[in-house]
Amino acid sequence: MSSNSNKSGSSAMDRQLTRQEKATLFDVLEVAMRVLRDGKSSFEENSRFGKQIRRNNWYGSQTREDLVFKNDNIPRAEILVTTQDDPLDYTDDRNAVPIIPSEFEAHFASPVTGVSIDEIKNALNVEDFWADESGHKYVYPPGGLQISPRGTVFSYRYSAKQTSEMRFEVTASITYLAPDKTDASDGVRWLNNITLTRDYPYLTPEMRKQKREEATARGQAAYGQSKGTSQ
């Protein structure tokens, strides 16, 4: 990106959220985190996300539905929330499995300024690390992880803090855009994307079958022990 293109790109994205717009964004983030972390309600039960404008359905080994919202109080943002069949329910017939919320995304088609990573962390109530399925913890640099060769994309990743009402682990991923590192920059970064994901284990149909068989075996063993004790 040349200096001229950088200037035009900067002006195209030079939109700072107002105090009220930021307050609305943070409120939506807090609600989304509670839904995913505490499991007390569904996305559709929360009008704070805005007006639902479409639904996208996906079928396969996993039933998934994306609900897309438009919130007039968060300009240029598209809110997408995902529901799916419960991964922790190992029933073979996936159409009979309860549908649960699994992911939230706020995407700014025209990235905005004026929202710091510290403000987002505070709204989400997160720890400065994220953990993989093995429990290994990773810590991103304070300035974010540069994920583009030209230094124009920076990523942050965190984990939801433990609370008394927490039922699920949640990972938060935030992406900012920046001017090309070869151009003179005033350090401005534009907020591009915020994604919250409930951390479920990856399971194929074969793996679910194994889980069902293991649960059946445990149940039979427990029944045998209780029967033996009662005799």
C-alpha atoms as a PDB file:
ATOM      1  CA  MET A   1       0.000   0.000   0.000  1.00  0.00           C
ATOM      2  CA  SER A   2       1.520   3.312  -1.032  1.00  0.00           C
ATOM      3  CA  SER A   3       1.360   6.465   1.042  1.00  0.00           C
ATOM      4  CA  ASN A   4      -1.378   7.815  -1.189  1.00  0.00           C
ATOM      5  CA  SER A   5      -3.410   4.639  -0.961  1.00  0.00           C
ATOM      6  CA  ASN A   6      -2.857   4.605   2.764  1.00  0.00           C
ATOM      7  CA  LYS A   7      -4.309   8.105   3.037  1.00  0.00           C
ATOM      8  CA  SER A   8      -7.340   7.162   0.996  1.00  0.00           C
ATOM      9  CA  GLY A   9      -7.777   3.971   3.017  1.00  0.00           C
ATOM     10  CA  SER A  10      -7.452   5.916   6.236  1.00  0.00           C
ATOM     11  CA  SER A  11     -10.079   8.444   5.213  1.00  0.00           C
ATOM     12  CA  ALA A  12     -12.379   5.633   4.095  1.00  0.00           C
ATOM     13  CA  MET A  13     -12.148   4.066   7.533  1.00  0.00           C
ATOM     14  CA  ASP A  14     -11.812   7.271   9.533  1.00  0.00           C
ATOM     15  CA  ARG A  15     -15.009   6.717  11.517  1.00  0.00           C
ATOM     16  CA  GLN A  16     -14.790   6.954  15.287  1.00  0.00           C
ATOM     17  CA  LEU A  17     -17.556   5.454  17.385  1.00  0.00           C
ATOM     18  CA  THR A  18     -19.362   7.896  19.614  1.00  0.00           C
ATOM     19  CA  ARG A  19     -19.607   7.373  23.351  1.00  0.00           C
ATOM     20  CA  GLN A  20     -23.175   6.077  23.010  1.00  0.00           C
ATOM     21  CA  GLU A  21     -22.251   3.737  20.137  1.00  0.00           C
ATOM     22  CA  LYS A  22     -19.398   2.316  22.185  1.00  0.00           C
ATOM     23  CA  ALA A  23     -21.716   1.849  25.174  1.00  0.00           C
ATOM     24  CA  THR A  24     -24.133  -0.097  22.961  1.00  0.00           C
ATOM     25  CA  LEU A  25     -21.324  -2.242  21.560  1.00  0.00           C
ATOM     26  CA  PHE A  26     -20.008  -3.061  25.034  1.00  0.00           C
ATOM     27  CA  ASP A  27     -23.512  -3.905  26.249  1.00  0.00           C
ATOM     28  CA  VAL A  28     -23.960  -6.327  23.332  1.00  0.00           C
ATOM     29  CA  LEU A  29     -20.568  -7.914  24.062  1.00  0.00           C
ATOM     30  CA  GLU A  30     -21.416  -8.392  27.742  1.00  0.00           C
ATOM     31  CA  VAL A  31     -24.741 -10.044  26.869  1.00  0.00           C
ATOM     32  CA  ALA A  32     -23.133 -12.293  24.254  1.00  0.00           C
ATOM     33  CA  MET A  33     -20.443 -13.405  26.696  1.00  0.00           C
ATOM     34  CA  ARG A  34     -23.032 -14.237  29.356  1.00  0.00           C
ATOM     35  CA  VAL A  35     -25.045 -16.297  26.874  1.00  0.00           C
ATOM     36  CA  LEU A  36     -22.017 -18.302  25.762  1.00  0.00           C
ATOM     37  CA  ARG A  37     -20.229 -18.559  29.124  1.00  0.00           C
ATOM     38  CA  ASP A  38     -23.157 -19.081  31.510  1.00  0.00           C
ATOM     39  CA  GLY A  39     -25.599 -20.889  29.202  1.00  0.00           C
ATOM     40  CA  LYS A  40     -28.696 -19.301  30.746  1.00  0.00           C
ATOM     41  CA  SER A  41     -30.449 -18.068  27.603  1.00  0.00           C
ATOM     42  CA  SER A  42     -30.290 -18.098  23.822  1.00  0.00           C
ATOM     43  CA  PHE A  43     -29.298 -15.372  21.407  1.00  0.00           C
ATOM     44  CA  GLU A  44     -32.829 -15.053  20.052  1.00  0.00           C
ATOM     45  CA  GLU A  45     -34.133 -14.146  23.508  1.00  0.00           C
ATOM     46  CA  ASN A  46     -31.984 -11.002  23.595  1.00  0.00           C
ATOM     47  CA  SER A  47     -33.362  -7.998  21.701  1.00  0.00           C
ATOM     48  CA  ARG A  48     -30.169  -6.061  22.420  1.00  0.00           C
ATOM     49  CA  PHE A  49     -28.481  -7.636  19.393  1.00  0.00           C
ATOM     50  CA  GLY A  50     -30.798  -5.615  17.153  1.00  0.00           C
ATOM     51  CA  LYS A  51     -33.192  -6.554  14.373  1.00  0.00           C
ATOM     52  CA  GLN A  52     -32.774  -9.981  12.799  1.00  0.00           C
ATOM     53  CA  ILE A  53     -32.421  -9.517   9.033  1.00  0.00           C
ATOM     54  CA  ARG A  54     -31.757 -13.058   7.791  1.00  0.00           C
ATOM     55  CA  ARG A  55     -31.044 -16.688   8.706  1.00  0.00           C
ATOM     56  CA  ASN A  56     -28.548 -19.010   7.052  1.00  0.00           C
ATOM     57  CA  ASN A  57     -28.936 -22.761   7.568  1.00  0.00           C
ATOM     58  CA  TRP A  58     -26.213 -25.390   7.187  1.00  0.00           C
ATOM     59  CA  TYR A  59     -26.680 -29.143   7.235  1.00  0.00           C
ATOM     60  CA  GLY A  60     -24.238 -32.030   7.330  1.00  0.00           C
ATOM     61  CA  SER A  61     -22.598 -33.913  10.159  1.00  0.00           C
ATOM     62  CA  GLN A  62     -23.609 -30.862  12.195  1.00  0.00           C
ATOM     63  CA  THR A  63     -26.793 -28.794  12.019  1.00  0.00           C
ATOM     64  CA  ARG A  64     -25.927 -25.110  12.129  1.00  0.00           C
ATOM     65  CA  GLU A  65     -27.897 -21.896  11.774  1.00  0.00           C
ATOM     66  CA  ASP A  66     -26.465 -18.399  11.490  1.00  0.00           C
ATOM     67  CA  LEU A  67     -28.705 -15.538  12.632  1.00  0.00           C
ATOM     68  CA  VAL A  68     -27.736 -12.141  11.242  1.00  0.00           C
ATOM     69  CA  PHE A  69     -28.713  -8.960  13.089  1.00  0.00           C
ATOM     70  CA  LYS A  70     -28.522  -5.268  12.309  1.00  0.00           C
ATOM     71  CA  ASN A  71     -28.212  -2.876  15.228  1.00  0.00           C
ATOM     72  CA  ASP A  72     -28.884   0.741  14.262  1.00  0.00           C
ATOM     73  CA  ASN A  73     -26.994   1.899  17.351  1.00  0.00           C
ATOM     74  CA  ILE A  74     -23.750   0.284  16.148  1.00  0.00           C
ATOM     75  CA  PRO A  75     -23.152   1.780  12.677  1.00  0.00           C
ATOM     76  CA  ARG A  76     -21.462  -0.317   9.990  1.00  0.00           C
ATOM     77  CA  ALA A  77     -21.536  -3.436  12.163  1.00  0.00           C
ATOM     78  CA  GLU A  78     -23.112  -6.749  11.259  1.00  0.00           C
ATOM     79  CA  ILE A  79     -23.845  -9.074  14.159  1.00  0.00           C
ATOM     80  CA  LEU A  80     -23.876 -12.772  13.432  1.00  0.00           C
ATOM     81  CA  VAL A  81     -24.762 -15.389  16.034  1.00  0.00           C
ATOM     82  CA  THR A  82     -24.482 -19.122  15.476  1.00  0.00           C
ATOM     83  CA  THR A  83     -26.554 -21.969  16.907  1.00  0.00           C
ATOM     84  CA  GLN A  84     -25.935 -25.676  16.412  1.00  0.00           C
ATOM     85  CA  ASP A  85     -26.897 -29.105  17.696  1.00  0.00           C
ATOM     86  CA  ASP A  86     -25.393 -29.649  21.132  1.00  0.00           C
ATOM     87  CA  PRO A  87     -21.923 -31.247  20.743  1.00  0.00           C
ATOM     88  CA  LEU A  88     -22.176 -32.656  24.274  1.00  0.00           C
ATOM     89  CA  ASP A  89     -25.302 -34.620  23.352  1.00  0.00           C
ATOM     90  CA  TYR A  90     -24.083 -37.813  21.658  1.00  0.00           C
ATOM     91  CA  THR A  91     -27.466 -38.861  20.235  1.00  0.00           C
ATOM     92  CA  ASP A  92     -27.084 -40.404  16.780  1.00  0.00           C
ATOM     93  CA  ASP A  93     -30.118 -38.605  15.315  1.00  0.00           C
ATOM     94  CA  ARG A  94     -28.817 -35.033  15.240  1.00  0.00           C
ATOM     95  CA  ASN A  95     -32.278 -33.657  14.407  1.00  0.00           C
ATOM     96  CA  ALA A  96     -33.406 -34.769  17.872  1.00  0.00           C
ATOM     97  CA  VAL A  97     -30.574 -32.972  19.659  1.00  0.00           C
ATOM     98  CA  PRO A  98     -31.249 -29.648  21.453  1.00  0.00           C
ATOM     99  CA  ILE A  99     -30.017 -26.521  19.663  1.00  0.00           C
ATOM    100  CA  ILE A 100     -27.573 -24.378  21.619  1.00  0.00           C
ATOM    101  CA  PRO A 101     -25.725 -21.069  21.020  1.00  0.00           C
ATOM    102  CA  SER A 102     -22.079 -21.554  20.062  1.00  0.00           C
ATOM    103  CA  GLU A 103     -20.615 -18.369  18.576  1.00  0.00           C
ATOM    104  CA  PHE A 104     -21.050 -14.611  18.354  1.00  0.00           C
ATOM    105  CA  GLU A 105     -19.428 -12.259  15.866  1.00  0.00           C
ATOM    106  CA  ALA A 106     -19.493  -8.481  15.461  1.00  0.00           C
ATOM    107  CA  HIS A 107     -17.984  -7.552  12.106  1.00  0.00           C
ATOM    108  CA  PHE A 108     -17.352  -3.987  10.957  1.00  0.00           C
ATOM    109  CA  ALA A 109     -17.604  -3.859   7.165  1.00  0.00           C
ATOM    110  CA  SER A 110     -16.048  -0.396   7.466  1.00  0.00           C
ATOM    111  CA  PRO A 111     -13.635  -0.691  10.412  1.00  0.00           C
ATOM    112  CA  VAL A 112     -13.854   1.988  13.096  1.00  0.00           C
ATOM    113  CA  THR A 113     -11.527   3.770  15.479  1.00  0.00           C
ATOM    114  CA  GLY A 114     -11.927   4.859  19.065  1.00  0.00           C
ATOM    115  CA  VAL A 115     -12.314   1.391  20.585  1.00  0.00           C
ATOM    116  CA  SER A 116      -9.223   0.198  22.431  1.00  0.00           C
ATOM    117  CA  ILE A 117      -8.349  -3.414  23.116  1.00  0.00           C
ATOM    118  CA  ASP A 118      -8.360  -2.691  26.860  1.00  0.00           C
ATOM    119  CA  GLU A 119     -11.957  -1.422  26.664  1.00  0.00           C
ATOM    120  CA  ILE A 120     -13.002  -4.594  24.831  1.00  0.00           C
ATOM    121  CA  LYS A 121     -11.198  -6.794  27.362  1.00  0.00           C
ATOM    122  CA  ASN A 122     -12.960  -5.003  30.200  1.00  0.00           C
ATOM    123  CA  ALA A 123     -16.391  -5.427  28.573  1.00  0.00           C
ATOM    124  CA  LEU A 124     -15.767  -9.135  27.964  1.00  0.00           C
ATOM    125  CA  ASN A 125     -14.115  -9.851  31.344  1.00  0.00           C
ATOM    126  CA  VAL A 126     -11.309 -11.995  29.942  1.00  0.00           C
ATOM    127  CA  GLU A 127      -7.929 -13.431  30.921  1.00  0.00           C
ATOM    128  CA  ASP A 128      -4.733 -12.591  28.991  1.00  0.00           C
ATOM    129  CA  PHE A 129      -4.351 -16.068  27.517  1.00  0.00           C
ATOM    130  CA  TRP A 130      -6.176 -18.725  25.550  1.00  0.00           C
ATOM    131  CA  ALA A 131      -5.883 -22.494  25.946  1.00  0.00           C
ATOM    132  CA  ASP A 132      -6.021 -25.300  23.387  1.00  0.00           C
ATOM    133  CA  GLU A 133      -7.859 -28.611  23.851  1.00  0.00           C
ATOM    134  CA  SER A 134      -4.853 -30.025  25.713  1.00  0.00           C
ATOM    135  CA  GLY A 135      -4.990 -27.189  28.212  1.00  0.00           C
ATOM    136  CA  HIS A 136      -1.768 -25.582  26.980  1.00  0.00           C
ATOM    137  CA  LYS A 137      -1.939 -21.837  27.527  1.00  0.00           C
ATOM    138  CA  TYR A 138      -0.811 -19.276  24.952  1.00  0.00           C
ATOM    139  CA  VAL A 139      -0.213 -15.586  25.618  1.00  0.00           C
ATOM    140  CA  TYR A 140      -0.393 -13.066  22.770  1.00  0.00           C
ATOM    141  CA  PRO A 141       1.919 -10.014  22.777  1.00  0.00           C
ATOM    142  CA  PRO A 142       0.373  -6.931  24.446  1.00  0.00           C
ATOM    143  CA  GLY A 143       0.291  -5.214  21.049  1.00  0.00           C
ATOM    144  CA  GLY A 144      -1.384  -8.142  19.362  1.00  0.00           C
ATOM    145  CA  LEU A 145      -0.029 -10.801  17.032  1.00  0.00           C
ATOM    146  CA  GLN A 146       0.854  -9.523  13.567  1.00  0.00           C
ATOM    147  CA  ILE A 147      -0.782 -11.977  11.167  1.00  0.00           C
ATOM    148  CA  SER A 148      -0.110 -10.322   7.816  1.00  0.00           C
ATOM    149  CA  PRO A 149       3.284  -9.939   6.083  1.00  0.00           C
ATOM    150  CA  ARG A 150       2.739  -6.226   5.495  1.00  0.00           C
ATOM    151  CA  GLY A 151       1.764  -5.564   9.103  1.00  0.00           C
ATOM    152  CA  THR A 152      -1.807  -4.548   8.354  1.00  0.00           C
ATOM    153  CA  VAL A 153      -3.689  -7.122  10.458  1.00  0.00           C
ATOM    154  CA  PHE A 154      -3.286  -7.650  14.205  1.00  0.00           C
ATOM    155  CA  SER A 155      -5.008 -10.352  16.219  1.00  0.00           C
ATOM    156  CA  TYR A 156      -5.690 -10.700  19.947  1.00  0.00           C
ATOM    157  CA  ARG A 157      -6.967 -13.801  21.698  1.00  0.00           C
ATOM    158  CA  TYR A 158      -8.222 -14.261  25.266  1.00  0.00           C
ATOM    159  CA  SER A 159     -10.202 -16.606  27.513  1.00  0.00           C
ATOM    160  CA  ALA A 160     -13.277 -15.793  29.576  1.00  0.00           C
ATOM    161  CA  LYS A 161     -12.527 -15.353  33.264  1.00  0.00           C
ATOM    162  CA  GLN A 162     -13.861 -17.928  35.679  1.00  0.00           C
ATOM    163  CA  THR A 163     -17.045 -16.808  37.433  1.00  0.00           C
ATOM    164  CA  SER A 164     -19.426 -18.457  39.884  1.00  0.00           C
ATOM    165  CA  GLU A 165     -22.005 -18.884  37.095  1.00  0.00           C
ATOM    166  CA  MET A 166     -19.607 -20.070  34.385  1.00  0.00           C
ATOM    167  CA  ARG A 167     -20.616 -23.313  32.629  1.00  0.00           C
ATOM    168  CA  PHE A 168     -18.550 -23.155  29.436  1.00  0.00           C
ATOM    169  CA  GLU A 169     -15.083 -22.016  28.413  1.00  0.00           C
ATOM    170  CA  VAL A 170     -15.187 -19.176  25.879  1.00  0.00           C
ATOM    171  CA  THR A 171     -12.430 -17.850  23.625  1.00  0.00           C
ATOM    172  CA  ALA A 172     -12.475 -14.224  22.454  1.00  0.00           C
ATOM    173  CA  SER A 173     -10.710 -13.264  19.212  1.00  0.00           C
ATOM    174  CA  ILE A 174     -10.342  -9.612  18.203  1.00  0.00           C
ATOM    175  CA  THR A 175      -8.899  -8.278  14.947  1.00  0.00           C
ATOM    176  CA  TYR A 176      -7.650  -4.780  14.182  1.00  0.00           C
ATOM    177  CA  LEU A 177      -6.440  -3.331  10.876  1.00  0.00           C
ATOM    178  CA  ALA A 178      -3.493  -0.958  10.595  1.00  0.00           C
ATOM    179  CA  PRO A 179      -1.668   1.007   7.882  1.00  0.00           C
ATOM    180  CA  ASP A 180       1.025  -0.787   5.903  1.00  0.00           C
ATOM    181  CA  LYS A 181       4.162  -0.983   8.079  1.00  0.00           C
ATOM    182  CA  THR A 182       6.211   0.506   5.220  1.00  0.00           C
ATOM    183  CA  ASP A 183       4.186   3.736   5.433  1.00  0.00           C
ATOM    184  CA  ALA A 184       4.513   6.470   7.995  1.00  0.00           C
ATOM    185  CA  SER A 185       1.883   5.740  10.629  1.00  0.00           C
ATOM    186  CA  ASP A 186       0.456   7.595  13.575  1.00  0.00           C
ATOM    187  CA  GLY A 187      -0.275   4.284  15.281  1.00  0.00           C
ATOM    188  CA  VAL A 188      -3.991   4.288  14.452  1.00  0.00           C
ATOM    189  CA  ARG A 189      -5.719   0.919  14.372  1.00  0.00           C
ATOM    190  CA  TRP A 190      -9.219   0.199  13.129  1.00  0.00           C
ATOM    191  CA  LEU A 191     -11.429  -2.340  14.877  1.00  0.00           C
ATOM    192  CA  ASN A 192     -12.487  -4.961  12.332  1.00  0.00           C
ATOM    193  CA  ASN A 193     -13.894  -8.018  14.074  1.00  0.00           C
ATOM    194  CA  ILE A 194     -14.813  -9.480  17.481  1.00  0.00           C
ATOM    195  CA  THR A 195     -15.607 -13.196  17.759  1.00  0.00           C
ATOM    196  CA  LEU A 196     -16.651 -15.152  20.863  1.00  0.00           C
ATOM    197  CA  THR A 197     -16.605 -18.941  20.616  1.00  0.00           C
ATOM    198  CA  ARG A 198     -17.816 -21.489  23.126  1.00  0.00           C
ATOM    199  CA  ASP A 199     -15.020 -24.055  23.387  1.00  0.00           C
ATOM    200  CA  TYR A 200     -16.520 -27.424  22.547  1.00  0.00           C
ATOM    201  CA  PRO A 201     -14.402 -30.488  21.736  1.00  0.00           C
ATOM    202  CA  TYR A 202     -14.318 -31.453  18.061  1.00  0.00           C
ATOM    203  CA  LEU A 203     -16.313 -34.651  17.492  1.00  0.00           C
ATOM    204  CA  THR A 204     -16.926 -36.581  14.281  1.00  0.00           C
ATOM    205  CA  PRO A 205     -19.927 -38.967  13.959  1.00  0.00           C
ATOM    206  CA  GLU A 206     -17.520 -41.834  14.677  1.00  0.00           C
ATOM    207  CA  MET A 207     -16.247 -40.111  17.805  1.00  0.00           C
ATOM    208  CA  ARG A 208     -19.826 -39.494  19.011  1.00  0.00           C
ATOM    209  CA  LYS A 209     -20.557 -43.187  18.473  1.00  0.00           C
ATOM    210  CA  GLN A 210     -17.577 -44.080  20.627  1.00  0.00           C
ATOM    211  CA  LYS A 211     -18.792 -41.671  23.325  1.00  0.00           C
ATOM    212  CA  ARG A 212     -22.248 -43.285  23.270  1.00  0.00           C
ATOM    213  CA  GLU A 213     -20.742 -46.751  23.596  1.00  0.00           C
ATOM    214  CA  GLU A 214     -18.514 -45.614  26.469  1.00  0.00           C
ATOM    215  CA  ALA A 215     -21.514 -44.056  28.258  1.00  0.00           C
ATOM    216  CA  THR A 216     -23.535 -47.257  27.772  1.00  0.00           C
ATOM    217  CA  ALA A 217     -20.671 -49.349  29.134  1.00  0.00           C
ATOM    218  CA  ARG A 218     -20.353 -47.096  32.195  1.00  0.00           C
ATOM    219  CA  GLY A 219     -24.086 -47.308  32.788  1.00  0.00           C
ATOM    220  CA  GLN A 220     -24.064 -51.100  32.562  1.00  0.00           C
ATOM    221  CA  ALA A 221     -21.102 -51.323  34.918  1.00  0.00           C
ATOM    222  CA  ALA A 222     -22.785 -49.025  37.437  1.00  0.00           C
ATOM    223  CA  TYR A 223     -25.988 -51.069  37.218  1.00  0.00           C
ATOM    224  CA  GLY A 224     -24.033 -54.283  37.783  1.00  0.00           C
ATOM    225  CA  GLN A 225     -22.320 -52.851  40.842  1.00  0.00           C
ATOM    226  CA  SER A 226     -25.570 -51.575  42.356  1.00  0.00           C
ATOM    227  CA  LYS A 227     -27.259 -54.914  41.711  1.00  0.00           C
ATOM    228  CA  GLY A 228     -24.384 -56.786  43.321  1.00  0.00           C
ATOM    229  CA  THR A 229     -24.463 -54.512  46.363  1.00  0.00           C
ATOM    230  CA  SER A 230     -28.181 -54.972  46.854  1.00  0.00           C
ATOM    231  CA  GLN A 231     -27.921 -58.773  46.856  1.00  0.00           C
END
